[in-house]
Amino acid sequence: MKVPVHKIVGDVYTTYKDGERLQGEFREAFYRGDTVELDFDKMRIFATAFFNAAVASLLENYSRSELERRLKIVNLPLAAKELLDDSLDNADRSYHDPNFREALDRFWRISPPRPREHAMANASRG
């Protein structure tokens, strides 16, 4: 299955929601065992959140080697490839490395996420 990404999300790839929308287009074929090609031609702006949702979240149920074998990425700019690789590395550790998962859990117990307004107010104080 070939997926022209720009036809689904345009030329700006920044939000988690857009990543979910893209994955929704190819998820069924991927789950069936088909090879999926994501064509990032016309990509202009990108962010990690998009890659987390579109690709990295698949690592919850698949190994990195299987994902790389069955999900082909083409026409991805080098800077975007670096973000995608970071996203995949973090997701792989999060889903498959119990020590990393435990460290994340400890971190979030010690430092729970703060509401954006609270965090911004504290940042402006000092």
N, C-alpha and C. Protein backbone atom coordinates (compact mmCIF):
# COMPACT_ATOMS: atom_id res chain seq x y z
N MET A 1 0.85 -1.18 0.00
CA MET A 1 0.00 0.00 0.00
C MET A 1 0.89 1.24 0.00
N LYS A 2 0.65 2.17 -0.92
CA LYS A 2 1.38 3.43 -0.98
C LYS A 2 0.48 4.55 -0.46
N VAL A 3 1.06 5.35 0.43
CA VAL A 3 0.29 6.43 1.05
C VAL A 3 0.99 7.77 0.78
N PRO A 4 0.39 8.63 -0.06
CA PRO A 4 0.93 9.98 -0.25
C PRO A 4 0.50 10.85 0.93
N VAL A 5 1.41 11.04 1.86
CA VAL A 5 1.07 11.68 3.13
C VAL A 5 0.46 13.06 2.95
N HIS A 6 0.95 13.84 2.00
CA HIS A 6 0.43 15.21 1.83
C HIS A 6 -1.05 15.23 1.46
N LYS A 7 -1.55 14.16 0.86
CA LYS A 7 -2.98 14.12 0.52
C LYS A 7 -3.85 13.91 1.76
N ILE A 8 -3.25 13.46 2.84
CA ILE A 8 -4.00 13.21 4.07
C ILE A 8 -3.87 14.37 5.04
N VAL A 9 -2.64 14.90 5.19
CA VAL A 9 -2.42 15.95 6.19
C VAL A 9 -1.86 17.25 5.63
N GLY A 10 -1.71 17.38 4.33
CA GLY A 10 -1.16 18.60 3.75
C GLY A 10 0.35 18.58 3.78
N ASP A 11 0.97 19.76 3.88
CA ASP A 11 2.43 19.82 3.85
C ASP A 11 3.04 20.22 5.20
N VAL A 12 2.21 20.30 6.24
CA VAL A 12 2.66 20.62 7.58
C VAL A 12 2.33 19.43 8.49
N TYR A 13 3.36 18.86 9.09
CA TYR A 13 3.22 17.64 9.88
C TYR A 13 3.65 17.92 11.31
N THR A 14 2.77 18.49 12.09
CA THR A 14 3.19 18.93 13.42
C THR A 14 2.38 18.36 14.58
N THR A 15 1.15 17.99 14.38
CA THR A 15 0.32 17.64 15.53
C THR A 15 0.15 16.13 15.70
N TYR A 16 -0.09 15.76 16.93
CA TYR A 16 -0.36 14.36 17.26
C TYR A 16 -1.63 13.90 16.53
N LYS A 17 -2.60 14.79 16.47
CA LYS A 17 -3.87 14.47 15.80
C LYS A 17 -3.65 14.15 14.31
N ASP A 18 -2.80 14.93 13.63
CA ASP A 18 -2.48 14.63 12.23
C ASP A 18 -1.79 13.28 12.10
N GLY A 19 -0.91 12.97 13.05
CA GLY A 19 -0.25 11.67 13.04
C GLY A 19 -1.24 10.53 13.21
N GLU A 20 -2.20 10.71 14.10
CA GLU A 20 -3.24 9.70 14.27
C GLU A 20 -4.06 9.54 13.00
N ARG A 21 -4.36 10.65 12.35
CA ARG A 21 -5.13 10.60 11.10
C ARG A 21 -4.36 9.83 10.03
N LEU A 22 -3.05 10.09 9.93
CA LEU A 22 -2.25 9.35 8.96
C LEU A 22 -2.23 7.86 9.28
N GLN A 23 -1.96 7.52 10.54
CA GLN A 23 -1.92 6.11 10.89
C GLN A 23 -3.27 5.44 10.62
N GLY A 24 -4.35 6.16 10.82
CA GLY A 24 -5.68 5.62 10.53
C GLY A 24 -5.84 5.22 9.07
N GLU A 25 -5.10 5.89 8.19
CA GLU A 25 -5.17 5.57 6.76
C GLU A 25 -4.49 4.25 6.40
N PHE A 26 -3.45 3.87 7.15
CA PHE A 26 -2.70 2.68 6.78
C PHE A 26 -2.72 1.57 7.82
N ARG A 27 -3.26 1.82 9.00
CA ARG A 27 -3.22 0.87 10.11
C ARG A 27 -3.79 -0.50 9.74
N GLU A 28 -4.94 -0.53 9.11
CA GLU A 28 -5.59 -1.81 8.79
C GLU A 28 -4.68 -2.65 7.87
N ALA A 29 -4.11 -2.04 6.85
CA ALA A 29 -3.21 -2.77 5.94
C ALA A 29 -1.98 -3.25 6.70
N PHE A 30 -1.44 -2.42 7.57
CA PHE A 30 -0.26 -2.80 8.33
C PHE A 30 -0.58 -3.97 9.25
N TYR A 31 -1.71 -3.90 9.94
CA TYR A 31 -2.12 -4.98 10.86
C TYR A 31 -2.35 -6.30 10.12
N ARG A 32 -2.77 -6.21 8.86
CA ARG A 32 -2.96 -7.42 8.05
C ARG A 32 -1.64 -8.06 7.66
N GLY A 33 -0.55 -7.32 7.80
CA GLY A 33 0.75 -7.83 7.43
C GLY A 33 1.28 -7.27 6.12
N ASP A 34 0.54 -6.33 5.53
CA ASP A 34 0.97 -5.72 4.27
C ASP A 34 2.16 -4.78 4.52
N THR A 35 2.95 -4.57 3.49
CA THR A 35 3.98 -3.55 3.53
C THR A 35 3.34 -2.22 3.16
N VAL A 36 3.68 -1.19 3.90
CA VAL A 36 3.11 0.14 3.69
C VAL A 36 4.25 1.09 3.35
N GLU A 37 4.05 1.90 2.32
CA GLU A 37 5.03 2.93 1.94
C GLU A 37 4.42 4.29 2.21
N LEU A 38 5.09 5.04 3.09
CA LEU A 38 4.66 6.41 3.38
C LEU A 38 5.54 7.36 2.58
N ASP A 39 4.92 8.13 1.69
CA ASP A 39 5.65 9.05 0.83
C ASP A 39 5.50 10.47 1.39
N PHE A 40 6.61 11.02 1.87
CA PHE A 40 6.60 12.34 2.49
C PHE A 40 6.98 13.45 1.52
N ASP A 41 6.77 13.22 0.23
CA ASP A 41 7.00 14.26 -0.77
C ASP A 41 6.16 15.49 -0.40
N LYS A 42 6.71 16.65 -0.57
CA LYS A 42 6.05 17.94 -0.31
C LYS A 42 6.01 18.30 1.17
N MET A 43 6.74 17.57 2.01
CA MET A 43 6.79 17.89 3.44
C MET A 43 7.58 19.17 3.64
N ARG A 44 7.01 20.12 4.42
CA ARG A 44 7.71 21.38 4.66
C ARG A 44 8.00 21.60 6.14
N ILE A 45 7.05 21.35 7.00
CA ILE A 45 7.21 21.61 8.43
C ILE A 45 6.83 20.32 9.17
N PHE A 46 7.58 20.00 10.22
CA PHE A 46 7.35 18.73 10.92
C PHE A 46 7.70 18.87 12.39
N ALA A 47 7.13 17.98 13.21
CA ALA A 47 7.40 17.96 14.65
C ALA A 47 7.34 16.53 15.16
N THR A 48 8.00 16.31 16.27
CA THR A 48 8.08 14.98 16.86
C THR A 48 6.70 14.42 17.20
N ALA A 49 5.80 15.25 17.68
CA ALA A 49 4.46 14.76 18.06
C ALA A 49 3.79 14.03 16.90
N PHE A 50 3.96 14.54 15.71
CA PHE A 50 3.38 13.89 14.53
C PHE A 50 3.96 12.49 14.36
N PHE A 51 5.28 12.37 14.42
CA PHE A 51 5.92 11.06 14.24
C PHE A 51 5.59 10.10 15.38
N ASN A 52 5.43 10.63 16.60
CA ASN A 52 5.05 9.78 17.73
C ASN A 52 3.73 9.07 17.44
N ALA A 53 2.76 9.81 16.94
CA ALA A 53 1.44 9.25 16.69
C ALA A 53 1.39 8.42 15.41
N ALA A 54 2.02 8.92 14.35
CA ALA A 54 1.90 8.27 13.04
C ALA A 54 2.66 6.96 12.96
N VAL A 55 3.85 6.90 13.57
CA VAL A 55 4.73 5.75 13.37
C VAL A 55 5.16 5.11 14.68
N ALA A 56 5.73 5.90 15.59
CA ALA A 56 6.34 5.34 16.80
C ALA A 56 5.36 4.57 17.67
N SER A 57 4.12 4.97 17.69
CA SER A 57 3.13 4.28 18.53
C SER A 57 2.92 2.83 18.09
N LEU A 58 3.27 2.50 16.86
CA LEU A 58 3.16 1.11 16.40
C LEU A 58 4.10 0.19 17.16
N LEU A 59 5.14 0.75 17.76
CA LEU A 59 6.11 -0.07 18.49
C LEU A 59 5.52 -0.66 19.77
N GLU A 60 4.36 -0.20 20.17
CA GLU A 60 3.70 -0.82 21.32
C GLU A 60 3.39 -2.29 21.04
N ASN A 61 3.08 -2.61 19.77
CA ASN A 61 2.68 -3.96 19.40
C ASN A 61 3.62 -4.68 18.45
N TYR A 62 4.63 -3.97 17.94
CA TYR A 62 5.55 -4.55 16.96
C TYR A 62 6.99 -4.26 17.35
N SER A 63 7.90 -5.11 16.91
CA SER A 63 9.32 -4.87 17.15
C SER A 63 9.81 -3.80 16.18
N ARG A 64 10.92 -3.21 16.53
CA ARG A 64 11.52 -2.19 15.66
C ARG A 64 11.91 -2.81 14.31
N SER A 65 12.46 -4.02 14.34
CA SER A 65 12.89 -4.65 13.09
C SER A 65 11.69 -4.95 12.19
N GLU A 66 10.59 -5.39 12.77
CA GLU A 66 9.40 -5.65 11.95
C GLU A 66 8.83 -4.35 11.39
N LEU A 67 8.82 -3.32 12.21
CA LEU A 67 8.33 -2.02 11.74
C LEU A 67 9.18 -1.53 10.56
N GLU A 68 10.50 -1.61 10.70
CA GLU A 68 11.38 -1.14 9.64
C GLU A 68 11.29 -2.01 8.38
N ARG A 69 10.96 -3.27 8.56
CA ARG A 69 10.82 -4.16 7.40
C ARG A 69 9.53 -3.90 6.64
N ARG A 70 8.46 -3.58 7.35
CA ARG A 70 7.14 -3.49 6.71
C ARG A 70 6.66 -2.07 6.47
N LEU A 71 7.31 -1.08 7.05
CA LEU A 71 6.91 0.31 6.86
C LEU A 71 8.05 1.03 6.15
N LYS A 72 7.83 1.35 4.90
CA LYS A 72 8.84 2.02 4.08
C LYS A 72 8.57 3.52 4.10
N ILE A 73 9.61 4.29 4.37
CA ILE A 73 9.52 5.74 4.43
C ILE A 73 10.31 6.29 3.24
N VAL A 74 9.66 7.08 2.40
CA VAL A 74 10.35 7.65 1.24
C VAL A 74 10.16 9.17 1.20
N ASN A 75 11.13 9.84 0.58
CA ASN A 75 11.11 11.30 0.39
C ASN A 75 11.03 12.08 1.69
N LEU A 76 11.66 11.56 2.73
CA LEU A 76 11.66 12.24 4.03
C LEU A 76 12.92 13.11 4.13
N PRO A 77 12.77 14.41 4.36
CA PRO A 77 13.94 15.27 4.50
C PRO A 77 14.84 14.79 5.65
N LEU A 78 16.14 15.03 5.54
CA LEU A 78 17.10 14.55 6.53
C LEU A 78 16.74 15.01 7.95
N ALA A 79 16.40 16.27 8.13
CA ALA A 79 16.06 16.78 9.46
C ALA A 79 14.84 16.06 10.02
N ALA A 80 13.87 15.76 9.17
CA ALA A 80 12.68 15.02 9.61
C ALA A 80 13.05 13.57 9.94
N LYS A 81 13.97 12.99 9.18
CA LYS A 81 14.41 11.62 9.47
C LYS A 81 15.06 11.55 10.85
N GLU A 82 15.83 12.57 11.19
CA GLU A 82 16.45 12.59 12.51
C GLU A 82 15.39 12.65 13.61
N LEU A 83 14.36 13.45 13.43
CA LEU A 83 13.26 13.50 14.40
C LEU A 83 12.53 12.17 14.48
N LEU A 84 12.26 11.56 13.33
CA LEU A 84 11.59 10.26 13.30
C LEU A 84 12.44 9.22 14.03
N ASP A 85 13.74 9.20 13.77
CA ASP A 85 14.62 8.24 14.44
C ASP A 85 14.60 8.44 15.95
N ASP A 86 14.63 9.69 16.41
CA ASP A 86 14.56 9.97 17.85
C ASP A 86 13.23 9.48 18.42
N SER A 87 12.17 9.74 17.71
CA SER A 87 10.85 9.31 18.15
C SER A 87 10.79 7.79 18.27
N LEU A 88 11.32 7.09 17.27
CA LEU A 88 11.33 5.63 17.30
C LEU A 88 12.22 5.10 18.42
N ASP A 89 13.38 5.71 18.62
CA ASP A 89 14.29 5.28 19.69
C ASP A 89 13.60 5.39 21.05
N ASN A 90 12.96 6.53 21.29
CA ASN A 90 12.29 6.74 22.58
C ASN A 90 11.12 5.79 22.76
N ALA A 91 10.33 5.59 21.73
CA ALA A 91 9.18 4.68 21.83
C ALA A 91 9.65 3.24 22.02
N ASP A 92 10.69 2.86 21.31
CA ASP A 92 11.21 1.50 21.44
C ASP A 92 11.66 1.24 22.88
N ARG A 93 12.39 2.18 23.44
CA ARG A 93 12.82 2.02 24.84
C ARG A 93 11.63 2.03 25.79
N SER A 94 10.69 2.92 25.55
CA SER A 94 9.53 3.04 26.42
C SER A 94 8.69 1.76 26.43
N TYR A 95 8.47 1.18 25.25
CA TYR A 95 7.62 -0.01 25.15
C TYR A 95 8.35 -1.31 25.45
N HIS A 96 9.67 -1.37 25.20
CA HIS A 96 10.35 -2.66 25.25
C HIS A 96 11.48 -2.77 26.27
N ASP A 97 11.86 -1.69 26.92
CA ASP A 97 12.93 -1.74 27.91
C ASP A 97 12.33 -1.48 29.29
N PRO A 98 12.16 -2.54 30.11
CA PRO A 98 11.52 -2.35 31.41
C PRO A 98 12.27 -1.38 32.33
N ASN A 99 13.58 -1.32 32.22
CA ASN A 99 14.35 -0.38 33.05
C ASN A 99 14.04 1.07 32.67
N PHE A 100 13.94 1.32 31.38
CA PHE A 100 13.61 2.67 30.90
C PHE A 100 12.19 3.03 31.33
N ARG A 101 11.27 2.10 31.18
CA ARG A 101 9.87 2.34 31.56
C ARG A 101 9.77 2.65 33.05
N GLU A 102 10.50 1.89 33.86
CA GLU A 102 10.50 2.11 35.31
C GLU A 102 11.06 3.49 35.65
N ALA A 103 12.14 3.88 34.95
CA ALA A 103 12.73 5.20 35.19
C ALA A 103 11.73 6.31 34.82
N LEU A 104 11.02 6.13 33.72
CA LEU A 104 10.00 7.12 33.33
C LEU A 104 8.90 7.20 34.37
N ASP A 105 8.45 6.05 34.84
CA ASP A 105 7.39 6.03 35.85
C ASP A 105 7.85 6.74 37.12
N ARG A 106 9.10 6.49 37.54
CA ARG A 106 9.64 7.18 38.73
C ARG A 106 9.71 8.68 38.49
N PHE A 107 10.16 9.08 37.32
CA PHE A 107 10.25 10.50 37.01
C PHE A 107 8.89 11.16 37.11
N TRP A 108 7.87 10.56 36.53
CA TRP A 108 6.54 11.18 36.52
C TRP A 108 5.91 11.19 37.91
N ARG A 109 6.29 10.24 38.77
CA ARG A 109 5.79 10.27 40.15
C ARG A 109 6.43 11.43 40.91
N ILE A 110 7.71 11.69 40.64
CA ILE A 110 8.43 12.77 41.32
C ILE A 110 8.06 14.12 40.73
N SER A 111 7.94 14.19 39.42
CA SER A 111 7.70 15.45 38.70
C SER A 111 6.46 15.34 37.83
N PRO A 112 5.28 15.35 38.44
CA PRO A 112 4.07 15.24 37.60
C PRO A 112 3.96 16.42 36.65
N PRO A 113 3.36 16.20 35.49
CA PRO A 113 3.20 17.30 34.53
C PRO A 113 2.41 18.44 35.16
N ARG A 114 2.83 19.65 34.86
CA ARG A 114 2.13 20.81 35.37
C ARG A 114 1.26 21.39 34.28
N PRO A 115 0.16 22.01 34.67
CA PRO A 115 -0.64 22.71 33.65
C PRO A 115 0.22 23.76 32.96
N ARG A 116 -0.04 23.96 31.70
CA ARG A 116 0.76 24.88 30.89
C ARG A 116 0.84 26.28 31.52
N GLU A 117 -0.28 26.78 32.00
CA GLU A 117 -0.29 28.13 32.55
C GLU A 117 0.62 28.20 33.77
N HIS A 118 0.58 27.20 34.63
CA HIS A 118 1.41 27.18 35.82
C HIS A 118 2.89 27.14 35.45
N ALA A 119 3.22 26.30 34.49
CA ALA A 119 4.61 26.18 34.04
C ALA A 119 5.10 27.49 33.42
N MET A 120 4.25 28.14 32.64
CA MET A 120 4.65 29.38 31.99
C MET A 120 4.83 30.50 33.05
N ALA A 121 3.95 30.52 34.03
CA ALA A 121 4.06 31.53 35.08
C ALA A 121 5.35 31.36 35.86
N ASN A 122 5.70 30.12 36.18
CA ASN A 122 6.94 29.87 36.90
C ASN A 122 8.15 30.21 36.06
N ALA A 123 8.10 29.96 34.77
CA ALA A 123 9.23 30.26 33.89
C ALA A 123 9.45 31.76 33.80
N SER A 124 8.37 32.53 33.82
CA SER A 124 8.53 33.97 33.68
C SER A 124 9.05 34.62 34.97
N ARG A 125 8.96 33.92 36.10
CA ARG A 125 9.44 34.47 37.37
C ARG A 125 10.94 34.40 37.49
N GLY A 126 11.55 33.50 36.80
CA GLY A 126 12.90 33.43 37.13
C GLY A 126 13.90 33.07 36.22
